[in-house]
Amino acid sequence: MFSHITQNWRGRPLVSHETIVNLIANTTTRKGLKISAKLDTGESPLEVTVSDAEMAAIRLTRDDFHGDWNYSLNPRPWTYYRPTNFRTAPQVLRPRRLGLAAAIGS
């Protein structure tokens, strides 16, 4: 997905959030993948710290080639977080707010 987005905005000045969102939203692939995007104007907490225990719980698989840059994040086993009610699931399981939200559409 990101390779198609960057090809779409290649050579264009990214002068505003609106420009970036529009370039992302107008990205398609030859096979018909369409990407939608909107600017997330919500506030995100600053200086979020991640504990050593939280870092150790991340299932990270490093690639043989530059593993510091190239890695895969693997899902936790289902038994790790099996809440009985998803609405009251711990905050850790909910997606964090990012400055720019992009979603894959069909």
N, C-alpha and C. Protein backbone atom coordinates (compact mmCIF):
# COMPACT_ATOMS: atom_id res chain seq x y z
N MET A 1 0.83 -1.18 0.00
CA MET A 1 0.00 0.00 0.00
C MET A 1 0.88 1.25 0.00
N PHE A 2 1.88 1.30 0.87
CA PHE A 2 2.68 2.53 0.97
C PHE A 2 3.52 2.79 -0.27
N SER A 3 3.94 1.74 -0.96
CA SER A 3 4.70 1.97 -2.19
C SER A 3 3.83 2.66 -3.23
N HIS A 4 2.55 2.30 -3.30
CA HIS A 4 1.63 2.94 -4.24
C HIS A 4 1.36 4.39 -3.85
N ILE A 5 1.22 4.63 -2.55
CA ILE A 5 0.98 6.00 -2.08
C ILE A 5 2.17 6.90 -2.42
N THR A 6 3.38 6.43 -2.14
CA THR A 6 4.55 7.26 -2.39
C THR A 6 4.77 7.47 -3.88
N GLN A 7 4.42 6.49 -4.72
CA GLN A 7 4.51 6.69 -6.17
C GLN A 7 3.52 7.76 -6.62
N ASN A 8 2.35 7.78 -5.99
CA ASN A 8 1.32 8.75 -6.36
C ASN A 8 1.73 10.18 -6.02
N TRP A 9 2.46 10.38 -4.94
CA TRP A 9 2.82 11.76 -4.58
C TRP A 9 4.26 12.11 -4.95
N ARG A 10 4.90 11.24 -5.70
CA ARG A 10 6.28 11.48 -6.13
C ARG A 10 6.39 12.80 -6.90
N GLY A 11 7.30 13.65 -6.48
CA GLY A 11 7.55 14.91 -7.17
C GLY A 11 6.56 16.02 -6.86
N ARG A 12 5.63 15.78 -5.97
CA ARG A 12 4.64 16.82 -5.63
C ARG A 12 4.97 17.38 -4.25
N PRO A 13 4.94 18.67 -4.09
CA PRO A 13 5.24 19.24 -2.77
C PRO A 13 4.12 18.93 -1.77
N LEU A 14 4.50 18.42 -0.63
CA LEU A 14 3.53 18.10 0.43
C LEU A 14 3.41 19.31 1.34
N VAL A 15 2.63 20.28 0.89
CA VAL A 15 2.58 21.58 1.54
C VAL A 15 1.54 21.69 2.65
N SER A 16 0.61 20.76 2.71
CA SER A 16 -0.41 20.85 3.76
C SER A 16 -0.96 19.45 4.05
N HIS A 17 -1.64 19.35 5.18
CA HIS A 17 -2.30 18.08 5.51
C HIS A 17 -3.34 17.73 4.45
N GLU A 18 -4.06 18.74 3.97
CA GLU A 18 -5.09 18.51 2.95
C GLU A 18 -4.48 17.90 1.69
N THR A 19 -3.34 18.41 1.27
CA THR A 19 -2.66 17.88 0.09
C THR A 19 -2.27 16.42 0.29
N ILE A 20 -1.71 16.13 1.45
CA ILE A 20 -1.28 14.76 1.75
C ILE A 20 -2.47 13.81 1.77
N VAL A 21 -3.54 14.19 2.47
CA VAL A 21 -4.72 13.34 2.56
C VAL A 21 -5.32 13.11 1.18
N ASN A 22 -5.41 14.15 0.36
CA ASN A 22 -5.96 14.00 -0.99
C ASN A 22 -5.11 13.09 -1.87
N LEU A 23 -3.79 13.20 -1.77
CA LEU A 23 -2.92 12.33 -2.56
C LEU A 23 -3.07 10.87 -2.12
N ILE A 24 -3.17 10.64 -0.81
CA ILE A 24 -3.38 9.28 -0.32
C ILE A 24 -4.73 8.76 -0.79
N ALA A 25 -5.76 9.58 -0.64
CA ALA A 25 -7.13 9.14 -0.97
C ALA A 25 -7.31 8.89 -2.46
N ASN A 26 -6.50 9.47 -3.30
CA ASN A 26 -6.62 9.27 -4.74
C ASN A 26 -5.68 8.21 -5.28
N THR A 27 -5.16 7.37 -4.39
CA THR A 27 -4.25 6.30 -4.79
C THR A 27 -5.05 5.04 -5.12
N THR A 28 -4.73 4.44 -6.23
CA THR A 28 -5.32 3.15 -6.62
C THR A 28 -4.22 2.26 -7.18
N THR A 29 -4.51 0.99 -7.31
CA THR A 29 -3.57 0.06 -7.92
C THR A 29 -4.18 -0.51 -9.19
N ARG A 30 -3.36 -1.15 -10.00
CA ARG A 30 -3.85 -1.76 -11.24
C ARG A 30 -4.88 -2.85 -10.96
N LYS A 31 -4.77 -3.49 -9.82
CA LYS A 31 -5.69 -4.59 -9.48
C LYS A 31 -6.97 -4.08 -8.83
N GLY A 32 -7.13 -2.77 -8.68
CA GLY A 32 -8.39 -2.21 -8.20
C GLY A 32 -8.43 -1.82 -6.73
N LEU A 33 -7.31 -1.91 -6.02
CA LEU A 33 -7.30 -1.48 -4.62
C LEU A 33 -7.48 0.02 -4.56
N LYS A 34 -8.42 0.47 -3.76
CA LYS A 34 -8.64 1.90 -3.55
C LYS A 34 -8.33 2.22 -2.10
N ILE A 35 -7.73 3.34 -1.87
CA ILE A 35 -7.34 3.74 -0.52
C ILE A 35 -8.13 4.97 -0.14
N SER A 36 -8.68 4.95 1.07
CA SER A 36 -9.38 6.13 1.56
C SER A 36 -8.59 6.69 2.73
N ALA A 37 -8.71 7.99 2.92
CA ALA A 37 -7.96 8.64 3.99
C ALA A 37 -8.72 9.85 4.49
N LYS A 38 -8.54 10.15 5.76
CA LYS A 38 -9.08 11.39 6.32
C LYS A 38 -8.16 11.85 7.42
N LEU A 39 -8.13 13.14 7.63
CA LEU A 39 -7.27 13.72 8.65
C LEU A 39 -7.89 13.52 10.02
N ASP A 40 -7.11 12.99 10.94
CA ASP A 40 -7.56 12.80 12.31
C ASP A 40 -7.14 14.05 13.09
N THR A 41 -8.10 14.86 13.46
CA THR A 41 -7.79 16.11 14.16
C THR A 41 -7.86 15.97 15.68
N GLY A 42 -8.09 14.75 16.16
CA GLY A 42 -8.13 14.53 17.60
C GLY A 42 -6.75 14.69 18.22
N GLU A 43 -6.76 14.91 19.51
CA GLU A 43 -5.49 15.08 20.22
C GLU A 43 -4.95 13.74 20.68
N SER A 44 -3.65 13.61 20.63
CA SER A 44 -2.97 12.40 21.09
C SER A 44 -2.12 12.76 22.29
N PRO A 45 -1.98 11.83 23.22
CA PRO A 45 -1.15 12.13 24.39
C PRO A 45 0.32 12.29 24.00
N LEU A 46 0.99 13.20 24.67
CA LEU A 46 2.40 13.45 24.41
C LEU A 46 3.25 12.62 25.35
N GLU A 47 4.45 12.33 24.91
CA GLU A 47 5.45 11.66 25.73
C GLU A 47 4.91 10.38 26.38
N VAL A 48 4.29 9.53 25.58
CA VAL A 48 3.81 8.25 26.08
C VAL A 48 5.02 7.35 26.29
N THR A 49 5.14 6.78 27.46
CA THR A 49 6.26 5.89 27.72
C THR A 49 5.76 4.44 27.69
N VAL A 50 6.60 3.59 27.19
CA VAL A 50 6.30 2.17 27.10
C VAL A 50 7.22 1.46 28.08
N SER A 51 6.64 0.68 28.97
CA SER A 51 7.44 0.00 29.99
C SER A 51 8.24 -1.13 29.37
N ASP A 52 9.25 -1.58 30.10
CA ASP A 52 10.06 -2.72 29.63
C ASP A 52 9.19 -3.96 29.46
N ALA A 53 8.22 -4.14 30.35
CA ALA A 53 7.33 -5.30 30.27
C ALA A 53 6.47 -5.22 29.00
N GLU A 54 5.98 -4.03 28.67
CA GLU A 54 5.18 -3.87 27.44
C GLU A 54 6.04 -4.14 26.21
N MET A 55 7.27 -3.65 26.20
CA MET A 55 8.16 -3.90 25.07
C MET A 55 8.47 -5.38 24.93
N ALA A 56 8.67 -6.06 26.06
CA ALA A 56 8.98 -7.49 26.03
C ALA A 56 7.79 -8.30 25.52
N ALA A 57 6.57 -7.77 25.69
CA ALA A 57 5.37 -8.50 25.26
C ALA A 57 5.14 -8.38 23.75
N ILE A 58 5.86 -7.48 23.09
CA ILE A 58 5.68 -7.32 21.64
C ILE A 58 6.35 -8.50 20.94
N ARG A 59 5.59 -9.16 20.08
CA ARG A 59 6.12 -10.30 19.33
C ARG A 59 6.71 -9.78 18.03
N LEU A 60 7.99 -9.47 18.10
CA LEU A 60 8.69 -8.84 16.99
C LEU A 60 9.64 -9.86 16.36
N THR A 61 9.59 -10.02 15.04
CA THR A 61 10.50 -10.90 14.32
C THR A 61 11.36 -10.04 13.42
N ARG A 62 12.65 -9.99 13.70
CA ARG A 62 13.56 -9.17 12.91
C ARG A 62 13.99 -9.90 11.65
N ASP A 63 14.11 -9.15 10.56
CA ASP A 63 14.57 -9.71 9.30
C ASP A 63 16.08 -9.87 9.36
N ASP A 64 16.61 -10.81 8.58
CA ASP A 64 18.06 -11.02 8.55
C ASP A 64 18.79 -9.81 7.98
N PHE A 65 18.12 -9.08 7.08
CA PHE A 65 18.73 -7.91 6.47
C PHE A 65 18.29 -6.66 7.23
N HIS A 66 19.19 -6.03 7.96
CA HIS A 66 18.93 -4.82 8.73
C HIS A 66 17.71 -4.99 9.65
N GLY A 67 17.80 -5.92 10.56
CA GLY A 67 16.70 -6.22 11.48
C GLY A 67 16.25 -5.05 12.33
N ASP A 68 17.09 -4.03 12.49
CA ASP A 68 16.68 -2.83 13.24
C ASP A 68 15.64 -2.04 12.45
N TRP A 69 15.68 -2.15 11.13
CA TRP A 69 14.76 -1.41 10.27
C TRP A 69 13.65 -2.29 9.72
N ASN A 70 13.96 -3.55 9.46
CA ASN A 70 13.02 -4.45 8.81
C ASN A 70 12.57 -5.54 9.79
N TYR A 71 11.33 -5.48 10.17
CA TYR A 71 10.82 -6.45 11.13
C TYR A 71 9.32 -6.61 10.97
N SER A 72 8.80 -7.68 11.52
CA SER A 72 7.36 -7.95 11.49
C SER A 72 6.83 -7.94 12.92
N LEU A 73 5.66 -7.36 13.10
CA LEU A 73 4.98 -7.40 14.38
C LEU A 73 3.92 -8.48 14.28
N ASN A 74 4.00 -9.47 15.13
CA ASN A 74 3.09 -10.60 15.10
C ASN A 74 2.02 -10.46 16.17
N PRO A 75 0.82 -10.94 15.90
CA PRO A 75 -0.25 -10.82 16.91
C PRO A 75 0.05 -11.68 18.14
N ARG A 76 -0.47 -11.25 19.25
CA ARG A 76 -0.35 -12.03 20.47
C ARG A 76 -1.27 -13.25 20.38
N PRO A 77 -0.94 -14.30 21.09
CA PRO A 77 -1.87 -15.44 21.12
C PRO A 77 -3.21 -14.99 21.70
N TRP A 78 -4.29 -15.57 21.22
CA TRP A 78 -5.62 -15.16 21.66
C TRP A 78 -5.79 -15.30 23.16
N THR A 79 -5.15 -16.26 23.77
CA THR A 79 -5.30 -16.46 25.22
C THR A 79 -4.71 -15.30 26.01
N TYR A 80 -3.84 -14.50 25.38
CA TYR A 80 -3.23 -13.38 26.09
C TYR A 80 -4.26 -12.33 26.46
N TYR A 81 -5.22 -12.10 25.60
CA TYR A 81 -6.22 -11.07 25.86
C TYR A 81 -7.59 -11.58 25.39
N ARG A 82 -8.24 -12.31 26.20
CA ARG A 82 -9.56 -12.80 25.86
C ARG A 82 -10.58 -12.10 26.76
N PRO A 83 -10.93 -10.85 26.45
CA PRO A 83 -11.90 -10.16 27.29
C PRO A 83 -13.29 -10.75 27.09
N THR A 84 -14.09 -10.71 28.14
CA THR A 84 -15.46 -11.22 28.02
C THR A 84 -16.35 -10.19 27.35
N ASN A 85 -15.99 -8.93 27.45
CA ASN A 85 -16.78 -7.88 26.84
C ASN A 85 -15.81 -6.94 26.12
N PHE A 86 -15.89 -6.87 24.79
CA PHE A 86 -14.94 -6.06 24.03
C PHE A 86 -15.08 -4.57 24.32
N ARG A 87 -16.26 -4.13 24.73
CA ARG A 87 -16.43 -2.71 25.03
C ARG A 87 -15.67 -2.30 26.28
N THR A 88 -15.43 -3.25 27.17
CA THR A 88 -14.70 -2.93 28.39
C THR A 88 -13.29 -3.52 28.37
N ALA A 89 -12.81 -3.88 27.18
CA ALA A 89 -11.47 -4.44 27.07
C ALA A 89 -10.44 -3.40 27.53
N PRO A 90 -9.30 -3.85 28.01
CA PRO A 90 -8.27 -2.90 28.46
C PRO A 90 -7.87 -1.94 27.35
N GLN A 91 -7.45 -0.76 27.74
CA GLN A 91 -7.06 0.29 26.79
C GLN A 91 -5.96 -0.19 25.85
N VAL A 92 -5.11 -1.08 26.30
CA VAL A 92 -3.99 -1.56 25.49
C VAL A 92 -4.48 -2.19 24.20
N LEU A 93 -5.68 -2.77 24.22
CA LEU A 93 -6.18 -3.48 23.05
C LEU A 93 -6.83 -2.57 22.03
N ARG A 94 -7.12 -1.36 22.41
CA ARG A 94 -7.77 -0.44 21.49
C ARG A 94 -6.72 0.26 20.65
N PRO A 95 -7.02 0.53 19.37
CA PRO A 95 -6.02 1.21 18.54
C PRO A 95 -5.72 2.61 19.06
N ARG A 96 -4.47 2.98 18.96
CA ARG A 96 -4.08 4.33 19.39
C ARG A 96 -4.36 5.31 18.26
N ARG A 97 -4.65 6.51 18.64
CA ARG A 97 -4.98 7.57 17.68
C ARG A 97 -3.68 8.04 17.02
N LEU A 98 -3.70 8.11 15.70
CA LEU A 98 -2.56 8.61 14.95
C LEU A 98 -2.91 9.95 14.33
N GLY A 99 -1.92 10.70 13.96
CA GLY A 99 -2.16 12.00 13.36
C GLY A 99 -2.88 11.90 12.01
N LEU A 100 -2.65 10.84 11.29
CA LEU A 100 -3.27 10.67 9.99
C LEU A 100 -3.81 9.25 9.92
N ALA A 101 -5.08 9.12 9.70
CA ALA A 101 -5.70 7.80 9.64
C ALA A 101 -5.95 7.42 8.20
N ALA A 102 -5.40 6.35 7.75
CA ALA A 102 -5.63 5.84 6.39
C ALA A 102 -6.20 4.45 6.49
N ALA A 103 -7.18 4.16 5.70
CA ALA A 103 -7.81 2.84 5.73
C ALA A 103 -7.90 2.29 4.31
N ILE A 104 -7.86 1.00 4.21
CA ILE A 104 -8.00 0.36 2.92
C ILE A 104 -9.48 0.17 2.64
N GLY A 105 -9.93 0.63 1.52
CA GLY A 105 -11.32 0.45 1.11
C GLY A 105 -11.39 -0.47 -0.08
N SER A 106 -12.57 -0.88 -0.42
CA SER A 106 -12.69 -1.75 -1.59
C SER A 106 -13.48 -1.07 -2.67
